[in-house]
C-alpha atoms as a PDB file:
ATOM      1  CA  MET A   1      37.093  89.709  34.282  1.00  0.00           C
ATOM      2  CA  ALA A   2      40.675  89.236  35.438  1.00  0.00           C
ATOM      3  CA  GLU A   3      42.907  92.134  34.627  1.00  0.00           C
ATOM      4  CA  LYS A   4      46.615  92.025  34.151  1.00  0.00           C
ATOM      5  CA  GLU A   5      48.485  94.599  36.229  1.00  0.00           C
ATOM      6  CA  HIS A   6      50.706  96.471  33.804  1.00  0.00           C
ATOM      7  CA  ASN A   7      52.110  99.002  36.288  1.00  0.00           C
ATOM      8  CA  ILE A   8      53.930  96.588  38.567  1.00  0.00           C
ATOM      9  CA  THR A   9      57.630  95.828  38.227  1.00  0.00           C
ATOM     10  CA  ALA A  10      59.428  92.503  38.572  1.00  0.00           C
ATOM     11  CA  THR A  11      61.168  93.830  41.692  1.00  0.00           C
ATOM     12  CA  GLN A  12      57.816  94.740  43.277  1.00  0.00           C
ATOM     13  CA  ILE A  13      56.452  91.285  42.521  1.00  0.00           C
ATOM     14  CA  GLN A  14      59.554  89.672  44.020  1.00  0.00           C
ATOM     15  CA  LYS A  15      59.178  91.753  47.214  1.00  0.00           C
ATOM     16  CA  ASN A  16      55.464  90.925  47.455  1.00  0.00           C
ATOM     17  CA  MET A  17      56.222  87.227  47.124  1.00  0.00           C
ATOM     18  CA  GLU A  18      58.953  87.415  49.778  1.00  0.00           C
ATOM     19  CA  GLU A  19      56.331  88.781  52.192  1.00  0.00           C
ATOM     20  CA  HIS A  20      54.623  85.394  51.778  1.00  0.00           C
ATOM     21  CA  ASP A  21      57.873  83.434  52.228  1.00  0.00           C
ATOM     22  CA  VAL A  22      58.201  82.708  48.504  1.00  0.00           C
ATOM     23  CA  ARG A  23      61.751  83.085  47.211  1.00  0.00           C
ATOM     24  CA  ILE A  24      62.134  83.898  43.534  1.00  0.00           C
ATOM     25  CA  SER A  25      64.689  85.848  41.537  1.00  0.00           C
ATOM     26  CA  VAL A  26      63.826  89.068  39.727  1.00  0.00           C
ATOM     27  CA  GLU A  27      65.028  87.447  36.481  1.00  0.00           C
ATOM     28  CA  THR A  28      62.596  84.559  36.914  1.00  0.00           C
ATOM     29  CA  VAL A  29      59.772  87.022  37.521  1.00  0.00           C
ATOM     30  CA  ARG A  30      60.758  88.961  34.389  1.00  0.00           C
ATOM     31  CA  ARG A  31      60.705  85.798  32.271  1.00  0.00           C
ATOM     32  CA  HIS A  32      57.170  84.993  33.402  1.00  0.00           C
ATOM     33  CA  LEU A  33      55.767  88.489  33.983  1.00  0.00           C
ATOM     34  CA  ARG A  34      53.202  88.175  31.190  1.00  0.00           C
ATOM     35  CA  GLU A  35      51.753  85.095  32.874  1.00  0.00           C
ATOM     36  CA  ILE A  36      51.103  86.739  36.260  1.00  0.00           C
ATOM     37  CA  TRP A  37      47.604  87.984  36.966  1.00  0.00           C
ATOM     38  CA  SER A  38      46.875  90.540  39.638  1.00  0.00           C
ATOM     39  CA  PHE A  39      43.322  91.326  40.666  1.00  0.00           C
ATOM     40  CA  GLN A  40      41.598  93.392  43.321  1.00  0.00           C
ATOM     41  CA  ARG A  41      38.337  91.474  43.662  1.00  0.00           C
ATOM     42  CA  ASN A  42      37.270  88.409  45.586  1.00  0.00           C
ATOM     43  CA  LEU A  43      37.982  85.124  43.913  1.00  0.00           C
ATOM     44  CA  ASN A  44      34.887  82.971  43.465  1.00  0.00           C
ATOM     45  CA  ALA A  45      34.071  79.961  41.273  1.00  0.00           C
ATOM     46  CA  ASN A  46      32.965  82.041  38.269  1.00  0.00           C
ATOM     47  CA  PHE A  47      36.083  84.202  38.433  1.00  0.00           C
ATOM     48  CA  MET A  48      38.242  81.083  38.839  1.00  0.00           C
ATOM     49  CA  TYR A  49      36.590  79.695  35.692  1.00  0.00           C
ATOM     50  CA  THR A  50      37.550  82.912  33.854  1.00  0.00           C
ATOM     51  CA  ILE A  51      41.155  82.549  34.979  1.00  0.00           C
ATOM     52  CA  TYR A  52      41.237  78.936  33.812  1.00  0.00           C
ATOM     53  CA  GLU A  53      39.630  79.877  30.502  1.00  0.00           C
ATOM     54  CA  GLN A  54      41.860  82.873  29.771  1.00  0.00           C
ATOM     55  CA  GLY A  55      45.113  81.961  31.435  1.00  0.00           C
ATOM     56  CA  LEU A  56      45.672  78.372  32.496  1.00  0.00           C
ATOM     57  CA  LEU A  57      46.025  76.636  29.147  1.00  0.00           C
ATOM     58  CA  ALA A  58      47.867  79.565  27.544  1.00  0.00           C
ATOM     59  CA  SER A  59      50.413  79.527  30.374  1.00  0.00           C
ATOM     60  CA  THR A  60      50.872  75.768  30.303  1.00  0.00           C
ATOM     61  CA  PHE A  61      51.238  75.740  26.516  1.00  0.00           C
ATOM     62  CA  LYS A  62      54.048  78.296  26.879  1.00  0.00           C
ATOM     63  CA  LEU A  63      55.756  76.137  29.483  1.00  0.00           C
ATOM     64  CA  PHE A  64      55.141  72.659  28.048  1.00  0.00           C
ATOM     65  CA  GLY A  65      54.281  73.246  24.377  1.00  0.00           C
ATOM     66  CA  GLU A  66      50.929  73.829  22.708  1.00  0.00           C
ATOM     67  CA  GLY A  67      48.638  70.853  22.897  1.00  0.00           C
ATOM     68  CA  ASN A  68      50.799  69.146  25.528  1.00  0.00           C
ATOM     69  CA  ILE A  69      48.656  68.111  28.472  1.00  0.00           C
ATOM     70  CA  ASP A  70      51.372  66.012  30.099  1.00  0.00           C
ATOM     71  CA  TRP A  71      51.317  68.049  33.312  1.00  0.00           C
ATOM     72  CA  ILE A  72      49.332  67.921  36.554  1.00  0.00           C
ATOM     73  CA  LEU A  73      47.469  70.769  38.252  1.00  0.00           C
ATOM     74  CA  GLN A  74      47.773  71.015  42.024  1.00  0.00           C
ATOM     75  CA  GLU A  75      45.126  72.939  43.934  1.00  0.00           C
ATOM     76  CA  ASP A  76      43.757  72.686  47.433  1.00  0.00           C
ATOM     77  CA  ASN A  77      40.162  71.722  48.208  1.00  0.00           C
ATOM     78  CA  ASP A  78      38.921  75.298  48.283  1.00  0.00           C
ATOM     79  CA  PRO A  79      35.268  75.405  47.138  1.00  0.00           C
ATOM     80  CA  LYS A  80      36.084  77.578  44.118  1.00  0.00           C
ATOM     81  CA  HIS A  81      38.493  74.904  42.846  1.00  0.00           C
ATOM     82  CA  GLN A  82      35.977  72.123  43.458  1.00  0.00           C
ATOM     83  CA  SER A  83      32.833  73.884  42.199  1.00  0.00           C
ATOM     84  CA  LYS A  84      30.695  72.330  39.461  1.00  0.00           C
ATOM     85  CA  ILE A  85      31.691  74.976  36.898  1.00  0.00           C
ATOM     86  CA  THR A  86      35.447  74.653  37.487  1.00  0.00           C
ATOM     87  CA  LYS A  87      35.392  70.848  37.735  1.00  0.00           C
ATOM     88  CA  LYS A  88      33.436  70.647  34.477  1.00  0.00           C
ATOM     89  CA  TRP A  89      35.910  72.973  32.719  1.00  0.00           C
ATOM     90  CA  LYS A  90      38.891  70.945  33.923  1.00  0.00           C
ATOM     91  CA  GLU A  91      37.212  67.706  32.849  1.00  0.00           C
ATOM     92  CA  GLU A  92      36.285  69.064  29.391  1.00  0.00           C
ATOM     93  CA  ASN A  93      39.859  70.289  28.880  1.00  0.00           C
ATOM     94  CA  GLY A  94      41.531  67.074  30.029  1.00  0.00           C
ATOM     95  CA  ILE A  95      43.215  68.662  33.056  1.00  0.00           C
ATOM     96  CA  LYS A  96      44.778  66.088  35.377  1.00  0.00           C
ATOM     97  CA  GLU A  97      44.787  67.008  39.062  1.00  0.00           C
ATOM     98  CA  LEU A  98      46.995  65.889  41.919  1.00  0.00           C
ATOM     99  CA  PRO A  99      44.780  64.667  44.776  1.00  0.00           C
ATOM    100  CA  TRP A 100      44.889  66.912  47.825  1.00  0.00           C
ATOM    101  CA  PRO A 101      44.196  65.486  51.290  1.00  0.00           C
ATOM    102  CA  SER A 102      41.236  67.019  53.087  1.00  0.00           C
ATOM    103  CA  MET A 103      43.384  67.928  56.083  1.00  0.00           C
ATOM    104  CA  SER A 104      46.965  68.858  55.262  1.00  0.00           C
ATOM    105  CA  LEU A 105      49.461  68.575  58.099  1.00  0.00           C
END
């Protein structure tokens, strides 16, 4: 089960993201802090399914309005994103995906 990290600050998240060349303001992190999941285990298809089930729609409803599915999910071709269980969940929930080339340049 994915666990939300309640002991981390917005500043710590910002610094962690900067280590991965992601620039984001502390204020932006604070606005979306409840939507960020931190976990210490390996991510596999079943765990990805749990994240979709517990977090994806709730987060998108906050951003785009409940019931609004006028958005597109972008993921790479990692096996956990393309597994039978995750593909079935996305199909059953009407999730539109942006095609991802098999070899990105």
